[in-house]
Amino acid sequence: MGFARQAGAAVILVTLTLWLQCAGMAVLIDLARTYIARSTKGLSAWRAAVLICRFSGVTIVLHLLQILLWATFYRWYCFPTWEASFYFSGAAIPLSAMETSFSRGFGGLWIR
């Protein structure tokens, strides 16, 4: 893969990742604001705990969608199997593949 193609793929992948993060968090913040504004009694400790649990759950789902996006990229460009793609994408969202292999002690997979 030539440099221009690699750079283009990287720009597209990072743009899609940031778009997914921003759109997901914008929707999540809007839903939280609506939930708080709809409450007539205010935000009690119980309601705040429920809101934080829901917020955390949706954040985890957003991260899983990002992992799926990166795994698809790795499967398309780098690895022959989905297992290897998910292995690298699970830890490589903020890290490079080299840092992932060193931090997990993994040496059986090589990027094409």
C-alpha atoms as a PDB file:
ATOM      1  CA  MET A   1       0.000   0.000   0.000  1.00  0.00           C
ATOM      2  CA  GLY A   2       1.524   3.296  -1.087  1.00  0.00           C
ATOM      3  CA  PHE A   3       1.996   6.285   1.165  1.00  0.00           C
ATOM      4  CA  ALA A   4      -0.846   8.309  -0.384  1.00  0.00           C
ATOM      5  CA  ARG A   5      -3.255   5.403   0.024  1.00  0.00           C
ATOM      6  CA  GLN A   6      -2.145   4.829   3.635  1.00  0.00           C
ATOM      7  CA  ALA A   7      -2.482   8.509   4.471  1.00  0.00           C
ATOM      8  CA  GLY A   8      -5.909   8.663   2.837  1.00  0.00           C
ATOM      9  CA  ALA A   9      -7.086   5.579   4.714  1.00  0.00           C
ATOM     10  CA  ALA A  10      -5.771   7.003   7.993  1.00  0.00           C
ATOM     11  CA  VAL A  11      -7.522  10.336   7.455  1.00  0.00           C
ATOM     12  CA  ILE A  12     -10.795   8.621   6.612  1.00  0.00           C
ATOM     13  CA  LEU A  13     -10.550   6.246   9.586  1.00  0.00           C
ATOM     14  CA  VAL A  14      -9.739   8.999  12.082  1.00  0.00           C
ATOM     15  CA  THR A  15     -12.476  11.221  10.633  1.00  0.00           C
ATOM     16  CA  LEU A  16     -15.054   8.434  10.954  1.00  0.00           C
ATOM     17  CA  THR A  17     -13.900   7.689  14.504  1.00  0.00           C
ATOM     18  CA  LEU A  18     -14.170  11.326  15.566  1.00  0.00           C
ATOM     19  CA  TRP A  19     -17.519  11.710  13.832  1.00  0.00           C
ATOM     20  CA  LEU A  20     -18.839   8.644  15.677  1.00  0.00           C
ATOM     21  CA  GLN A  21     -17.574   9.961  19.018  1.00  0.00           C
ATOM     22  CA  CYS A  22     -18.946  13.458  18.523  1.00  0.00           C
ATOM     23  CA  ALA A  23     -22.328  12.374  17.200  1.00  0.00           C
ATOM     24  CA  GLY A  24     -22.755   9.749  19.914  1.00  0.00           C
ATOM     25  CA  MET A  25     -21.823  12.113  22.723  1.00  0.00           C
ATOM     26  CA  ALA A  26     -24.035  14.884  21.316  1.00  0.00           C
ATOM     27  CA  VAL A  27     -27.034  12.542  21.300  1.00  0.00           C
ATOM     28  CA  LEU A  28     -26.144  11.284  24.757  1.00  0.00           C
ATOM     29  CA  ILE A  29     -25.848  14.792  26.208  1.00  0.00           C
ATOM     30  CA  ASP A  30     -29.144  15.815  24.604  1.00  0.00           C
ATOM     31  CA  LEU A  31     -30.894  12.787  26.091  1.00  0.00           C
ATOM     32  CA  ALA A  32     -29.404  13.505  29.527  1.00  0.00           C
ATOM     33  CA  ARG A  33     -30.509  17.138  29.388  1.00  0.00           C
ATOM     34  CA  THR A  34     -34.016  16.067  28.369  1.00  0.00           C
ATOM     35  CA  TYR A  35     -34.116  13.510  31.191  1.00  0.00           C
ATOM     36  CA  ILE A  36     -33.058  16.096  33.778  1.00  0.00           C
ATOM     37  CA  ALA A  37     -35.408  18.810  32.451  1.00  0.00           C
ATOM     38  CA  ARG A  38     -38.371  16.408  32.366  1.00  0.00           C
ATOM     39  CA  SER A  39     -37.934  15.564  36.021  1.00  0.00           C
ATOM     40  CA  THR A  40     -40.260  17.735  38.104  1.00  0.00           C
ATOM     41  CA  LYS A  41     -38.721  16.825  41.471  1.00  0.00           C
ATOM     42  CA  GLY A  42     -35.184  17.626  40.479  1.00  0.00           C
ATOM     43  CA  LEU A  43     -32.355  15.178  40.342  1.00  0.00           C
ATOM     44  CA  SER A  44     -32.418  12.999  43.441  1.00  0.00           C
ATOM     45  CA  ALA A  45     -29.547  10.685  44.343  1.00  0.00           C
ATOM     46  CA  TRP A  46     -31.415   7.693  42.922  1.00  0.00           C
ATOM     47  CA  ARG A  47     -32.220   9.411  39.621  1.00  0.00           C
ATOM     48  CA  ALA A  48     -28.634  10.639  39.336  1.00  0.00           C
ATOM     49  CA  ALA A  49     -27.357   7.082  39.848  1.00  0.00           C
ATOM     50  CA  VAL A  50     -29.710   5.749  37.170  1.00  0.00           C
ATOM     51  CA  LEU A  51     -28.635   8.516  34.792  1.00  0.00           C
ATOM     52  CA  ILE A  52     -24.939   7.752  35.350  1.00  0.00           C
ATOM     53  CA  CYS A  53     -25.527   4.014  34.754  1.00  0.00           C
ATOM     54  CA  ARG A  54     -27.363   4.729  31.505  1.00  0.00           C
ATOM     55  CA  PHE A  55     -24.704   7.223  30.440  1.00  0.00           C
ATOM     56  CA  SER A  56     -21.968   4.650  31.122  1.00  0.00           C
ATOM     57  CA  GLY A  57     -23.820   1.936  29.229  1.00  0.00           C
ATOM     58  CA  VAL A  58     -24.264   4.080  26.133  1.00  0.00           C
ATOM     59  CA  THR A  59     -20.604   5.141  26.310  1.00  0.00           C
ATOM     60  CA  ILE A  60     -19.571   1.471  26.310  1.00  0.00           C
ATOM     61  CA  VAL A  61     -21.773   0.853  23.268  1.00  0.00           C
ATOM     62  CA  LEU A  62     -20.117   3.804  21.505  1.00  0.00           C
ATOM     63  CA  HIS A  63     -16.691   2.311  22.226  1.00  0.00           C
ATOM     64  CA  LEU A  64     -17.818  -1.058  20.888  1.00  0.00           C
ATOM     65  CA  LEU A  65     -18.936   0.639  17.674  1.00  0.00           C
ATOM     66  CA  GLN A  66     -15.508   2.238  17.385  1.00  0.00           C
ATOM     67  CA  ILE A  67     -13.840  -1.134  17.913  1.00  0.00           C
ATOM     68  CA  LEU A  68     -16.028  -2.568  15.158  1.00  0.00           C
ATOM     69  CA  LEU A  69     -15.028   0.295  12.843  1.00  0.00           C
ATOM     70  CA  TRP A  70     -11.308  -0.250  13.493  1.00  0.00           C
ATOM     71  CA  ALA A  71     -11.654  -4.047  13.243  1.00  0.00           C
ATOM     72  CA  THR A  72     -13.289  -3.654   9.849  1.00  0.00           C
ATOM     73  CA  PHE A  73     -10.397  -1.447   8.730  1.00  0.00           C
ATOM     74  CA  TYR A  74      -7.792  -3.892  10.037  1.00  0.00           C
ATOM     75  CA  ARG A  75      -9.601  -6.811   8.408  1.00  0.00           C
ATOM     76  CA  TRP A  76      -9.804  -4.967   5.105  1.00  0.00           C
ATOM     77  CA  TYR A  77      -6.195  -3.740   4.983  1.00  0.00           C
ATOM     78  CA  CYS A  78      -4.022  -5.687   7.408  1.00  0.00           C
ATOM     79  CA  PHE A  79      -5.146  -9.113   8.627  1.00  0.00           C
ATOM     80  CA  PRO A  80      -6.614 -12.218   7.025  1.00  0.00           C
ATOM     81  CA  THR A  81      -8.864 -13.100   9.996  1.00  0.00           C
ATOM     82  CA  TRP A  82     -11.470 -11.291  12.067  1.00  0.00           C
ATOM     83  CA  GLU A  83      -9.923 -12.606  15.308  1.00  0.00           C
ATOM     84  CA  ALA A  84      -6.667 -10.790  14.658  1.00  0.00           C
ATOM     85  CA  SER A  85      -8.536  -7.679  13.559  1.00  0.00           C
ATOM     86  CA  PHE A  86     -10.616  -7.540  16.742  1.00  0.00           C
ATOM     87  CA  TYR A  87      -7.561  -8.299  18.864  1.00  0.00           C
ATOM     88  CA  PHE A  88      -5.713  -5.273  17.543  1.00  0.00           C
ATOM     89  CA  SER A  89      -8.730  -2.972  17.324  1.00  0.00           C
ATOM     90  CA  GLY A  90      -9.807  -3.609  20.912  1.00  0.00           C
ATOM     91  CA  ALA A  91      -6.698  -1.944  22.292  1.00  0.00           C
ATOM     92  CA  ALA A  92      -5.548   0.081  19.316  1.00  0.00           C
ATOM     93  CA  ILE A  93      -8.152   2.818  19.225  1.00  0.00           C
ATOM     94  CA  PRO A  94      -5.836   5.287  20.961  1.00  0.00           C
ATOM     95  CA  LEU A  95      -2.639   3.302  20.385  1.00  0.00           C
ATOM     96  CA  SER A  96      -0.656   2.132  17.437  1.00  0.00           C
ATOM     97  CA  ALA A  97      -0.417  -1.552  16.574  1.00  0.00           C
ATOM     98  CA  MET A  98       3.195  -1.632  17.740  1.00  0.00           C
ATOM     99  CA  GLU A  99       2.272  -0.325  21.194  1.00  0.00           C
ATOM    100  CA  THR A 100      -0.525  -2.880  21.384  1.00  0.00           C
ATOM    101  CA  SER A 101       1.800  -5.771  20.638  1.00  0.00           C
ATOM    102  CA  PHE A 102       4.344  -4.621  23.212  1.00  0.00           C
ATOM    103  CA  SER A 103       1.822  -3.837  25.940  1.00  0.00           C
ATOM    104  CA  ARG A 104       0.063  -7.194  25.636  1.00  0.00           C
ATOM    105  CA  GLY A 105       3.110  -9.312  24.971  1.00  0.00           C
ATOM    106  CA  PHE A 106       1.763 -10.499  21.647  1.00  0.00           C
ATOM    107  CA  GLY A 107       4.052 -11.441  18.807  1.00  0.00           C
ATOM    108  CA  GLY A 108       2.212 -14.001  16.702  1.00  0.00           C
ATOM    109  CA  LEU A 109       0.519 -11.541  14.348  1.00  0.00           C
ATOM    110  CA  TRP A 110       2.210  -9.378  11.768  1.00  0.00           C
ATOM    111  CA  ILE A 111       0.591  -6.548   9.879  1.00  0.00           C
ATOM    112  CA  ARG A 112       0.792  -7.016   6.110  1.00  0.00           C
END
